[in-house]
Amino acid sequence: MTYSLIPALVFGYLLGSIPFGLLLTRAAGLGDVRKIGSGNIGATNVLRTGNKGLAAATLLLDALKGTAAVLIAGHFAPDLAIWAGLGAFLGHLFPVWLGFKGGKGVATYLGVLIGLAWQVALIFAVVWLVIAFLFRYSSLAALTAAVVVPIALYFMSTPQIAALFVVMSIIVFIKHRENISRLLAGTEGKIGAKG
């Protein structure tokens, strides 16, 4: 089994490293999404192009690559699903094709969660939507959900999956450190703002 974990991790990484936000915006003739807004390749920054359809497609595809990694690897063994999910998450954050500069991982985080514990993914979605509706900050919504998820998993899933999401949530916070600084300073961009 130990020898199988590395291929599962690598498989997940390669799937997760597909930069859908960049590919979709270029295909739509909108240029390089990394040159606007936060410079991120994720759905929130794609939304800053003003194209809601592309942002929704980016969100969906970035999530699905996490779910696909989990489900395909999990077909062979449950433990492999966890490692493939971690690989997909890391692939999105650090894609080799983009000099290891990727997104912040929230959609792929959610996709992995859908594959491993869909009930808790619903909790993530509700928390994200409520915070986003109340405050209009995608980053705040994601960070709040990333706190709730490991706690929910502790009660509703296996220790291994809960531990995986403790690690992933910590990484989400690290990747959002600039957003946290802007939230504290009152300068964070709100959902739907262009630029």
N, C-alpha and C. Protein backbone atom coordinates (compact mmCIF):
# COMPACT_ATOMS: atom_id res chain seq x y z
N MET A 1 0.83 -1.20 0.00
CA MET A 1 0.00 0.00 0.00
C MET A 1 0.86 1.26 0.00
N THR A 2 1.97 1.25 0.75
CA THR A 2 2.83 2.43 0.81
C THR A 2 3.33 2.83 -0.57
N TYR A 3 3.66 1.84 -1.39
CA TYR A 3 4.15 2.14 -2.73
C TYR A 3 3.04 2.72 -3.62
N SER A 4 1.79 2.41 -3.27
CA SER A 4 0.65 2.91 -4.05
C SER A 4 0.33 4.36 -3.72
N LEU A 5 0.73 4.82 -2.53
CA LEU A 5 0.38 6.17 -2.10
C LEU A 5 1.04 7.23 -2.98
N ILE A 6 2.29 6.99 -3.36
CA ILE A 6 3.01 7.98 -4.17
C ILE A 6 2.37 8.15 -5.55
N PRO A 7 2.07 7.06 -6.27
CA PRO A 7 1.34 7.24 -7.54
C PRO A 7 0.00 7.95 -7.37
N ALA A 8 -0.71 7.66 -6.28
CA ALA A 8 -2.00 8.32 -6.03
C ALA A 8 -1.80 9.82 -5.82
N LEU A 9 -0.76 10.17 -5.07
CA LEU A 9 -0.45 11.57 -4.81
C LEU A 9 -0.07 12.28 -6.11
N VAL A 10 0.76 11.63 -6.92
CA VAL A 10 1.20 12.21 -8.19
C VAL A 10 0.03 12.33 -9.16
N PHE A 11 -0.81 11.30 -9.22
CA PHE A 11 -2.00 11.36 -10.08
C PHE A 11 -2.88 12.53 -9.70
N GLY A 12 -3.15 12.66 -8.40
CA GLY A 12 -3.96 13.77 -7.92
C GLY A 12 -3.32 15.11 -8.24
N TYR A 13 -2.02 15.19 -8.05
CA TYR A 13 -1.30 16.45 -8.32
C TYR A 13 -1.45 16.85 -9.79
N LEU A 14 -1.25 15.91 -10.69
CA LEU A 14 -1.32 16.22 -12.12
C LEU A 14 -2.73 16.67 -12.52
N LEU A 15 -3.73 16.03 -11.95
CA LEU A 15 -5.10 16.42 -12.24
C LEU A 15 -5.39 17.80 -11.65
N GLY A 16 -4.95 18.00 -10.43
CA GLY A 16 -5.20 19.27 -9.76
C GLY A 16 -4.44 20.44 -10.37
N SER A 17 -3.36 20.15 -11.07
CA SER A 17 -2.52 21.23 -11.60
C SER A 17 -3.04 21.83 -12.91
N ILE A 18 -4.14 21.29 -13.44
CA ILE A 18 -4.72 21.86 -14.67
C ILE A 18 -5.29 23.25 -14.33
N PRO A 19 -4.75 24.32 -14.91
CA PRO A 19 -5.18 25.69 -14.55
C PRO A 19 -6.40 26.16 -15.34
N PHE A 20 -7.56 25.66 -14.97
CA PHE A 20 -8.77 25.93 -15.74
C PHE A 20 -9.08 27.42 -15.87
N GLY A 21 -8.87 28.19 -14.80
CA GLY A 21 -9.14 29.63 -14.87
C GLY A 21 -8.34 30.32 -15.95
N LEU A 22 -7.08 29.98 -16.03
CA LEU A 22 -6.19 30.55 -17.05
C LEU A 22 -6.58 30.07 -18.44
N LEU A 23 -6.84 28.79 -18.58
CA LEU A 23 -7.18 28.22 -19.88
C LEU A 23 -8.50 28.78 -20.42
N LEU A 24 -9.49 28.91 -19.56
CA LEU A 24 -10.80 29.39 -20.00
C LEU A 24 -10.77 30.86 -20.39
N THR A 25 -10.08 31.68 -19.59
CA THR A 25 -10.04 33.11 -19.91
C THR A 25 -9.24 33.36 -21.19
N ARG A 26 -8.19 32.61 -21.40
CA ARG A 26 -7.43 32.75 -22.65
C ARG A 26 -8.26 32.29 -23.85
N ALA A 27 -8.96 31.18 -23.69
CA ALA A 27 -9.79 30.66 -24.78
C ALA A 27 -10.92 31.64 -25.13
N ALA A 28 -11.37 32.41 -24.13
CA ALA A 28 -12.45 33.38 -24.36
C ALA A 28 -11.92 34.72 -24.89
N GLY A 29 -10.60 34.80 -25.08
CA GLY A 29 -10.01 36.03 -25.59
C GLY A 29 -9.86 37.13 -24.57
N LEU A 30 -9.86 36.76 -23.29
CA LEU A 30 -9.75 37.76 -22.22
C LEU A 30 -8.33 37.91 -21.70
N GLY A 31 -7.38 37.27 -22.34
CA GLY A 31 -5.98 37.42 -21.94
C GLY A 31 -5.61 36.58 -20.74
N ASP A 32 -4.60 37.03 -20.04
CA ASP A 32 -4.04 36.30 -18.89
C ASP A 32 -4.70 36.79 -17.61
N VAL A 33 -5.49 35.94 -16.97
CA VAL A 33 -6.21 36.31 -15.75
C VAL A 33 -5.25 36.67 -14.62
N ARG A 34 -4.01 36.25 -14.73
CA ARG A 34 -3.03 36.56 -13.69
C ARG A 34 -2.62 38.03 -13.70
N LYS A 35 -3.03 38.76 -14.73
CA LYS A 35 -2.66 40.18 -14.84
C LYS A 35 -3.75 41.13 -14.38
N ILE A 36 -4.82 40.57 -13.80
CA ILE A 36 -5.87 41.42 -13.25
C ILE A 36 -6.12 41.07 -11.78
N GLY A 37 -6.78 41.97 -11.09
CA GLY A 37 -7.19 41.71 -9.71
C GLY A 37 -6.08 41.21 -8.83
N SER A 38 -6.33 40.05 -8.22
CA SER A 38 -5.37 39.46 -7.28
C SER A 38 -4.24 38.72 -7.99
N GLY A 39 -4.39 38.54 -9.32
CA GLY A 39 -3.39 37.77 -10.05
C GLY A 39 -3.58 36.28 -9.91
N ASN A 40 -4.69 35.89 -9.31
CA ASN A 40 -4.98 34.48 -9.03
C ASN A 40 -5.62 33.82 -10.25
N ILE A 41 -5.52 32.50 -10.33
CA ILE A 41 -6.14 31.77 -11.44
C ILE A 41 -7.49 31.18 -11.07
N GLY A 42 -7.99 31.48 -9.86
CA GLY A 42 -9.23 30.90 -9.39
C GLY A 42 -10.47 31.65 -9.83
N ALA A 43 -11.64 31.09 -9.45
CA ALA A 43 -12.93 31.60 -9.91
C ALA A 43 -13.20 33.03 -9.45
N THR A 44 -12.81 33.38 -8.23
CA THR A 44 -13.07 34.73 -7.73
C THR A 44 -12.38 35.77 -8.60
N ASN A 45 -11.15 35.48 -9.01
CA ASN A 45 -10.44 36.45 -9.85
C ASN A 45 -10.96 36.42 -11.29
N VAL A 46 -11.37 35.24 -11.77
CA VAL A 46 -11.98 35.16 -13.10
C VAL A 46 -13.24 36.02 -13.14
N LEU A 47 -13.98 36.06 -12.03
CA LEU A 47 -15.18 36.88 -11.95
C LEU A 47 -14.87 38.36 -12.17
N ARG A 48 -13.66 38.77 -11.84
CA ARG A 48 -13.27 40.17 -12.02
C ARG A 48 -13.12 40.56 -13.49
N THR A 49 -13.16 39.57 -14.38
CA THR A 49 -13.18 39.89 -15.81
C THR A 49 -14.57 40.38 -16.23
N GLY A 50 -15.55 40.17 -15.35
CA GLY A 50 -16.92 40.54 -15.66
C GLY A 50 -17.70 39.41 -16.30
N ASN A 51 -17.06 38.28 -16.54
CA ASN A 51 -17.72 37.15 -17.19
C ASN A 51 -18.14 36.12 -16.13
N LYS A 52 -19.40 36.19 -15.73
CA LYS A 52 -19.90 35.30 -14.68
C LYS A 52 -19.92 33.84 -15.12
N GLY A 53 -20.18 33.61 -16.41
CA GLY A 53 -20.20 32.25 -16.92
C GLY A 53 -18.85 31.57 -16.82
N LEU A 54 -17.79 32.32 -17.18
CA LEU A 54 -16.45 31.77 -17.08
C LEU A 54 -16.06 31.52 -15.63
N ALA A 55 -16.46 32.42 -14.75
CA ALA A 55 -16.16 32.25 -13.32
C ALA A 55 -16.84 31.00 -12.78
N ALA A 56 -18.11 30.80 -13.18
CA ALA A 56 -18.84 29.62 -12.73
C ALA A 56 -18.21 28.34 -13.29
N ALA A 57 -17.78 28.39 -14.55
CA ALA A 57 -17.13 27.22 -15.16
C ALA A 57 -15.81 26.91 -14.47
N THR A 58 -15.07 27.96 -14.12
CA THR A 58 -13.79 27.78 -13.42
C THR A 58 -14.03 27.14 -12.06
N LEU A 59 -15.01 27.65 -11.34
CA LEU A 59 -15.35 27.09 -10.02
C LEU A 59 -15.70 25.62 -10.14
N LEU A 60 -16.56 25.30 -11.11
CA LEU A 60 -17.01 23.93 -11.29
C LEU A 60 -15.86 22.99 -11.65
N LEU A 61 -15.04 23.41 -12.61
CA LEU A 61 -13.94 22.54 -13.07
C LEU A 61 -12.85 22.40 -12.01
N ASP A 62 -12.56 23.49 -11.29
CA ASP A 62 -11.55 23.40 -10.22
C ASP A 62 -12.03 22.48 -9.10
N ALA A 63 -13.34 22.47 -8.85
CA ALA A 63 -13.88 21.56 -7.84
C ALA A 63 -13.88 20.12 -8.36
N LEU A 64 -14.31 19.95 -9.60
CA LEU A 64 -14.43 18.60 -10.17
C LEU A 64 -13.10 17.87 -10.26
N LYS A 65 -12.00 18.62 -10.48
CA LYS A 65 -10.71 17.91 -10.55
C LYS A 65 -10.35 17.31 -9.19
N GLY A 66 -10.77 17.96 -8.11
CA GLY A 66 -10.56 17.38 -6.77
C GLY A 66 -11.43 16.18 -6.55
N THR A 67 -12.71 16.29 -6.94
CA THR A 67 -13.64 15.18 -6.79
C THR A 67 -13.21 13.98 -7.64
N ALA A 68 -12.81 14.25 -8.87
CA ALA A 68 -12.40 13.18 -9.77
C ALA A 68 -11.18 12.44 -9.23
N ALA A 69 -10.21 13.18 -8.72
CA ALA A 69 -9.01 12.54 -8.16
C ALA A 69 -9.38 11.58 -7.04
N VAL A 70 -10.27 12.03 -6.16
CA VAL A 70 -10.70 11.21 -5.01
C VAL A 70 -11.46 9.97 -5.49
N LEU A 71 -12.41 10.15 -6.38
CA LEU A 71 -13.25 9.03 -6.80
C LEU A 71 -12.48 7.99 -7.61
N ILE A 72 -11.59 8.46 -8.49
CA ILE A 72 -10.81 7.51 -9.30
C ILE A 72 -9.85 6.71 -8.42
N ALA A 73 -9.11 7.41 -7.56
CA ALA A 73 -8.16 6.70 -6.68
C ALA A 73 -8.90 5.83 -5.67
N GLY A 74 -10.04 6.33 -5.17
CA GLY A 74 -10.81 5.58 -4.20
C GLY A 74 -11.40 4.30 -4.75
N HIS A 75 -11.47 4.21 -6.07
CA HIS A 75 -11.94 2.98 -6.71
C HIS A 75 -10.98 1.82 -6.41
N PHE A 76 -9.72 2.15 -6.17
CA PHE A 76 -8.70 1.13 -5.90
C PHE A 76 -8.54 0.86 -4.40
N ALA A 77 -8.61 1.93 -3.58
CA ALA A 77 -8.52 1.76 -2.12
C ALA A 77 -8.89 3.07 -1.45
N PRO A 78 -9.60 3.01 -0.31
CA PRO A 78 -10.01 4.23 0.39
C PRO A 78 -8.83 5.14 0.78
N ASP A 79 -7.73 4.56 1.21
CA ASP A 79 -6.57 5.36 1.60
C ASP A 79 -6.00 6.14 0.42
N LEU A 80 -6.07 5.53 -0.76
CA LEU A 80 -5.56 6.20 -1.95
C LEU A 80 -6.37 7.44 -2.28
N ALA A 81 -7.67 7.41 -1.97
CA ALA A 81 -8.53 8.56 -2.22
C ALA A 81 -8.05 9.78 -1.44
N ILE A 82 -7.65 9.56 -0.20
CA ILE A 82 -7.18 10.66 0.64
C ILE A 82 -5.90 11.27 0.07
N TRP A 83 -4.98 10.42 -0.36
CA TRP A 83 -3.72 10.92 -0.90
C TRP A 83 -3.90 11.58 -2.25
N ALA A 84 -4.78 11.06 -3.06
CA ALA A 84 -5.07 11.69 -4.35
C ALA A 84 -5.73 13.05 -4.15
N GLY A 85 -6.60 13.13 -3.15
CA GLY A 85 -7.25 14.41 -2.83
C GLY A 85 -6.24 15.45 -2.39
N LEU A 86 -5.31 15.04 -1.55
CA LEU A 86 -4.25 15.96 -1.13
C LEU A 86 -3.42 16.38 -2.33
N GLY A 87 -3.11 15.42 -3.21
CA GLY A 87 -2.34 15.73 -4.41
C GLY A 87 -3.04 16.74 -5.30
N ALA A 88 -4.36 16.58 -5.49
CA ALA A 88 -5.13 17.51 -6.32
C ALA A 88 -5.11 18.91 -5.74
N PHE A 89 -5.26 18.99 -4.44
CA PHE A 89 -5.23 20.28 -3.74
C PHE A 89 -3.87 20.97 -3.93
N LEU A 90 -2.79 20.21 -3.71
CA LEU A 90 -1.45 20.76 -3.87
C LEU A 90 -1.15 21.11 -5.33
N GLY A 91 -1.69 20.31 -6.25
CA GLY A 91 -1.50 20.59 -7.67
C GLY A 91 -2.11 21.91 -8.08
N HIS A 92 -3.29 22.21 -7.53
CA HIS A 92 -3.94 23.49 -7.83
C HIS A 92 -3.13 24.66 -7.25
N LEU A 93 -2.61 24.46 -6.06
CA LEU A 93 -1.85 25.53 -5.39
C LEU A 93 -0.49 25.76 -6.05
N PHE A 94 0.15 24.67 -6.45
CA PHE A 94 1.53 24.74 -6.94
C PHE A 94 1.69 23.99 -8.28
N PRO A 95 1.02 24.45 -9.34
CA PRO A 95 1.12 23.74 -10.62
C PRO A 95 2.49 23.91 -11.27
N VAL A 96 3.09 22.81 -11.65
CA VAL A 96 4.43 22.84 -12.24
C VAL A 96 4.44 23.66 -13.52
N TRP A 97 3.31 23.66 -14.25
CA TRP A 97 3.22 24.35 -15.54
C TRP A 97 3.28 25.87 -15.39
N LEU A 98 2.96 26.38 -14.20
CA LEU A 98 2.91 27.84 -13.99
C LEU A 98 3.97 28.28 -12.99
N GLY A 99 5.08 27.57 -12.97
CA GLY A 99 6.15 27.94 -12.04
C GLY A 99 5.75 27.77 -10.59
N PHE A 100 4.86 26.82 -10.32
CA PHE A 100 4.36 26.51 -8.97
C PHE A 100 3.57 27.66 -8.36
N LYS A 101 3.02 28.54 -9.21
CA LYS A 101 2.19 29.65 -8.73
C LYS A 101 0.76 29.44 -9.21
N GLY A 102 -0.06 28.88 -8.35
CA GLY A 102 -1.43 28.56 -8.73
C GLY A 102 -2.46 29.35 -7.96
N GLY A 103 -3.61 28.73 -7.74
CA GLY A 103 -4.70 29.39 -7.02
C GLY A 103 -4.58 29.20 -5.52
N LYS A 104 -5.64 29.56 -4.84
CA LYS A 104 -5.64 29.47 -3.37
C LYS A 104 -6.33 28.22 -2.87
N GLY A 105 -6.89 27.45 -3.79
CA GLY A 105 -7.30 26.09 -3.46
C GLY A 105 -8.70 25.88 -2.94
N VAL A 106 -9.51 26.93 -2.82
CA VAL A 106 -10.80 26.75 -2.16
C VAL A 106 -11.74 25.85 -2.95
N ALA A 107 -11.84 26.05 -4.26
CA ALA A 107 -12.74 25.22 -5.06
C ALA A 107 -12.28 23.76 -5.07
N THR A 108 -10.97 23.55 -5.19
CA THR A 108 -10.45 22.19 -5.20
C THR A 108 -10.60 21.55 -3.82
N TYR A 109 -10.41 22.33 -2.77
CA TYR A 109 -10.67 21.90 -1.39
C TYR A 109 -12.11 21.37 -1.29
N LEU A 110 -13.05 22.15 -1.84
CA LEU A 110 -14.45 21.74 -1.81
C LEU A 110 -14.68 20.48 -2.64
N GLY A 111 -14.03 20.40 -3.79
CA GLY A 111 -14.17 19.21 -4.63
C GLY A 111 -13.67 17.95 -3.96
N VAL A 112 -12.54 18.05 -3.28
CA VAL A 112 -12.01 16.91 -2.52
C VAL A 112 -13.00 16.53 -1.41
N LEU A 113 -13.55 17.54 -0.77
CA LEU A 113 -14.51 17.31 0.31
C LEU A 113 -15.77 16.61 -0.21
N ILE A 114 -16.23 17.01 -1.40
CA ILE A 114 -17.39 16.35 -2.01
C ILE A 114 -17.11 14.87 -2.21
N GLY A 115 -15.91 14.56 -2.67
CA GLY A 115 -15.54 13.17 -2.92
C GLY A 115 -15.40 12.32 -1.67
N LEU A 116 -14.97 12.96 -0.58
CA LEU A 116 -14.68 12.20 0.65
C LEU A 116 -15.80 12.23 1.68
N ALA A 117 -16.54 13.34 1.73
CA ALA A 117 -17.59 13.49 2.75
C ALA A 117 -18.60 14.54 2.26
N TRP A 118 -19.48 14.12 1.35
CA TRP A 118 -20.36 15.08 0.69
C TRP A 118 -21.29 15.81 1.66
N GLN A 119 -21.64 15.15 2.79
CA GLN A 119 -22.52 15.81 3.75
C GLN A 119 -21.85 17.05 4.34
N VAL A 120 -20.55 16.94 4.59
CA VAL A 120 -19.81 18.07 5.15
C VAL A 120 -19.57 19.13 4.06
N ALA A 121 -19.51 18.69 2.80
CA ALA A 121 -19.41 19.65 1.70
C ALA A 121 -20.65 20.54 1.67
N LEU A 122 -21.81 20.00 2.01
CA LEU A 122 -23.03 20.82 2.09
C LEU A 122 -22.91 21.86 3.20
N ILE A 123 -22.31 21.46 4.31
CA ILE A 123 -22.08 22.41 5.41
C ILE A 123 -21.15 23.52 4.96
N PHE A 124 -20.07 23.14 4.26
CA PHE A 124 -19.14 24.13 3.70
C PHE A 124 -19.91 25.13 2.84
N ALA A 125 -20.75 24.61 1.93
CA ALA A 125 -21.47 25.47 0.99
C ALA A 125 -22.40 26.43 1.72
N VAL A 126 -23.11 25.94 2.73
CA VAL A 126 -24.04 26.80 3.48
C VAL A 126 -23.27 27.90 4.21
N VAL A 127 -22.17 27.52 4.88
CA VAL A 127 -21.37 28.52 5.60
C VAL A 127 -20.82 29.56 4.64
N TRP A 128 -20.27 29.08 3.50
CA TRP A 128 -19.70 30.01 2.52
C TRP A 128 -20.77 30.99 2.02
N LEU A 129 -21.94 30.46 1.65
CA LEU A 129 -23.00 31.30 1.10
C LEU A 129 -23.50 32.32 2.11
N VAL A 130 -23.67 31.91 3.35
CA VAL A 130 -24.17 32.83 4.39
C VAL A 130 -23.17 33.96 4.63
N ILE A 131 -21.89 33.62 4.79
CA ILE A 131 -20.88 34.64 5.06
C ILE A 131 -20.69 35.54 3.84
N ALA A 132 -20.70 34.95 2.64
CA ALA A 132 -20.55 35.75 1.42
C ALA A 132 -21.73 36.69 1.24
N PHE A 133 -22.94 36.22 1.54
CA PHE A 133 -24.13 37.07 1.42
C PHE A 133 -24.09 38.22 2.43
N LEU A 134 -23.68 37.92 3.64
CA LEU A 134 -23.68 38.94 4.70
C LEU A 134 -22.58 39.98 4.52
N PHE A 135 -21.39 39.52 4.10
CA PHE A 135 -20.23 40.43 4.10
C PHE A 135 -19.66 40.74 2.72
N ARG A 136 -20.00 39.92 1.69
CA ARG A 136 -19.55 40.14 0.31
C ARG A 136 -18.05 39.93 0.11
N TYR A 137 -17.43 39.18 1.00
CA TYR A 137 -16.01 38.87 0.86
C TYR A 137 -15.85 37.37 0.63
N SER A 138 -15.34 37.00 -0.55
CA SER A 138 -15.11 35.58 -0.85
C SER A 138 -14.09 34.98 0.10
N SER A 139 -13.04 35.74 0.38
CA SER A 139 -11.97 35.22 1.24
C SER A 139 -12.47 34.94 2.65
N LEU A 140 -13.26 35.84 3.20
CA LEU A 140 -13.80 35.65 4.55
C LEU A 140 -14.72 34.44 4.59
N ALA A 141 -15.53 34.28 3.54
CA ALA A 141 -16.44 33.13 3.46
C ALA A 141 -15.65 31.82 3.42
N ALA A 142 -14.59 31.81 2.60
CA ALA A 142 -13.76 30.60 2.47
C ALA A 142 -13.04 30.27 3.78
N LEU A 143 -12.50 31.28 4.43
CA LEU A 143 -11.76 31.06 5.67
C LEU A 143 -12.68 30.57 6.79
N THR A 144 -13.87 31.13 6.86
CA THR A 144 -14.83 30.69 7.87
C THR A 144 -15.22 29.23 7.63
N ALA A 145 -15.50 28.90 6.37
CA ALA A 145 -15.86 27.52 6.04
C ALA A 145 -14.71 26.56 6.34
N ALA A 146 -13.47 27.02 6.10
CA ALA A 146 -12.29 26.18 6.35
C ALA A 146 -12.05 25.92 7.83
N VAL A 147 -12.62 26.76 8.69
CA VAL A 147 -12.57 26.50 10.13
C VAL A 147 -13.64 25.48 10.53
N VAL A 148 -14.82 25.63 9.94
CA VAL A 148 -15.95 24.77 10.30
C VAL A 148 -15.76 23.33 9.83
N VAL A 149 -15.18 23.16 8.63
CA VAL A 149 -15.09 21.82 8.02
C VAL A 149 -14.34 20.79 8.88
N PRO A 150 -13.13 21.06 9.36
CA PRO A 150 -12.45 20.03 10.17
C PRO A 150 -13.21 19.66 11.44
N ILE A 151 -13.90 20.65 12.01
CA ILE A 151 -14.70 20.39 13.21
C ILE A 151 -15.86 19.46 12.87
N ALA A 152 -16.54 19.76 11.76
CA ALA A 152 -17.66 18.91 11.33
C ALA A 152 -17.17 17.51 11.00
N LEU A 153 -16.03 17.42 10.33
CA LEU A 153 -15.48 16.10 9.97
C LEU A 153 -15.11 15.28 11.21
N TYR A 154 -14.67 15.93 12.25
CA TYR A 154 -14.31 15.24 13.49
C TYR A 154 -15.50 14.44 14.02
N PHE A 155 -16.69 15.02 13.86
CA PHE A 155 -17.91 14.36 14.36
C PHE A 155 -18.60 13.49 13.32
N MET A 156 -18.35 13.75 12.04
CA MET A 156 -19.16 13.11 11.00
C MET A 156 -18.39 12.18 10.07
N SER A 157 -17.05 12.10 10.21
CA SER A 157 -16.28 11.29 9.28
C SER A 157 -15.17 10.54 10.02
N THR A 158 -14.17 10.10 9.27
CA THR A 158 -13.08 9.32 9.86
C THR A 158 -11.97 10.25 10.36
N PRO A 159 -11.16 9.79 11.31
CA PRO A 159 -10.04 10.61 11.79
C PRO A 159 -9.07 10.97 10.67
N GLN A 160 -8.87 10.06 9.71
CA GLN A 160 -7.93 10.32 8.61
C GLN A 160 -8.41 11.49 7.75
N ILE A 161 -9.68 11.50 7.43
CA ILE A 161 -10.23 12.58 6.60
C ILE A 161 -10.23 13.89 7.38
N ALA A 162 -10.58 13.82 8.66
CA ALA A 162 -10.55 15.03 9.49
C ALA A 162 -9.13 15.60 9.55
N ALA A 163 -8.15 14.73 9.71
CA ALA A 163 -6.75 15.17 9.78
C ALA A 163 -6.31 15.79 8.45
N LEU A 164 -6.72 15.19 7.34
CA LEU A 164 -6.40 15.74 6.03
C LEU A 164 -6.90 17.18 5.92
N PHE A 165 -8.11 17.43 6.37
CA PHE A 165 -8.69 18.76 6.23
C PHE A 165 -8.18 19.75 7.27
N VAL A 166 -7.65 19.26 8.37
CA VAL A 166 -6.92 20.17 9.27
C VAL A 166 -5.72 20.73 8.53
N VAL A 167 -4.96 19.84 7.88
CA VAL A 167 -3.78 20.26 7.11
C VAL A 167 -4.18 21.19 5.97
N MET A 168 -5.20 20.81 5.22
CA MET A 168 -5.63 21.61 4.08
C MET A 168 -6.15 22.98 4.52
N SER A 169 -6.87 23.02 5.63
CA SER A 169 -7.39 24.30 6.12
C SER A 169 -6.26 25.22 6.56
N ILE A 170 -5.25 24.66 7.18
CA ILE A 170 -4.08 25.47 7.57
C ILE A 170 -3.42 26.07 6.33
N ILE A 171 -3.30 25.25 5.28
CA ILE A 171 -2.70 25.74 4.03
C ILE A 171 -3.58 26.83 3.41
N VAL A 172 -4.89 26.65 3.46
CA VAL A 172 -5.80 27.68 2.94
C VAL A 172 -5.56 29.01 3.67
N PHE A 173 -5.40 28.96 4.97
CA PHE A 173 -5.14 30.19 5.74
C PHE A 173 -3.80 30.81 5.33
N ILE A 174 -2.78 29.96 5.14
CA ILE A 174 -1.47 30.48 4.73
C ILE A 174 -1.57 31.15 3.36
N LYS A 175 -2.28 30.50 2.43
CA LYS A 175 -2.44 31.05 1.09
C LYS A 175 -3.27 32.34 1.08
N HIS A 176 -4.07 32.54 2.12
CA HIS A 176 -4.92 33.73 2.20
C HIS A 176 -4.35 34.80 3.15
N ARG A 177 -3.06 34.70 3.48
CA ARG A 177 -2.52 35.64 4.45
C ARG A 177 -2.62 37.09 3.99
N GLU A 178 -2.44 37.34 2.68
CA GLU A 178 -2.58 38.71 2.18
C GLU A 178 -4.04 39.16 2.25
N ASN A 179 -4.96 38.25 1.97
CA ASN A 179 -6.38 38.58 2.10
C ASN A 179 -6.74 38.92 3.54
N ILE A 180 -6.17 38.16 4.47
CA ILE A 180 -6.43 38.41 5.89
C ILE A 180 -5.94 39.81 6.27
N SER A 181 -4.75 40.18 5.78
CA SER A 181 -4.23 41.52 6.05
C SER A 181 -5.15 42.59 5.49
N ARG A 182 -5.65 42.36 4.26
CA ARG A 182 -6.56 43.35 3.64
C ARG A 182 -7.91 43.39 4.35
N LEU A 183 -8.40 42.24 4.81
CA LEU A 183 -9.65 42.23 5.57
C LEU A 183 -9.50 43.06 6.85
N LEU A 184 -8.38 42.88 7.52
CA LEU A 184 -8.14 43.63 8.76
C LEU A 184 -7.99 45.13 8.49
N ALA A 185 -7.45 45.45 7.30
CA ALA A 185 -7.24 46.86 6.95
C ALA A 185 -8.47 47.49 6.29
N GLY A 186 -9.46 46.65 5.95
CA GLY A 186 -10.66 47.15 5.29
C GLY A 186 -10.48 47.44 3.82
N THR A 187 -9.47 46.82 3.19
CA THR A 187 -9.18 47.10 1.78
C THR A 187 -9.40 45.88 0.87
N GLU A 188 -9.96 44.82 1.42
CA GLU A 188 -10.19 43.61 0.62
C GLU A 188 -11.29 43.87 -0.41
N GLY A 189 -11.07 43.37 -1.66
CA GLY A 189 -12.06 43.53 -2.71
C GLY A 189 -13.28 42.67 -2.45
N LYS A 190 -14.44 43.21 -2.76
CA LYS A 190 -15.68 42.47 -2.54
C LYS A 190 -16.05 41.63 -3.76
N ILE A 191 -16.89 40.66 -3.56
CA ILE A 191 -17.32 39.76 -4.64
C ILE A 191 -17.95 40.55 -5.77
N GLY A 192 -17.50 40.28 -6.98
CA GLY A 192 -18.07 40.94 -8.15
C GLY A 192 -17.36 42.21 -8.57
N ALA A 193 -16.42 42.69 -7.74
CA ALA A 193 -15.69 43.91 -8.11
C ALA A 193 -14.73 43.62 -9.24
N LYS A 194 -14.71 44.48 -10.25
CA LYS A 194 -13.81 44.29 -11.37
C LYS A 194 -12.44 44.84 -11.04
N GLY A 195 -11.46 44.40 -11.88
CA GLY A 195 -10.14 45.02 -11.77
C GLY A 195 -9.08 44.15 -11.27
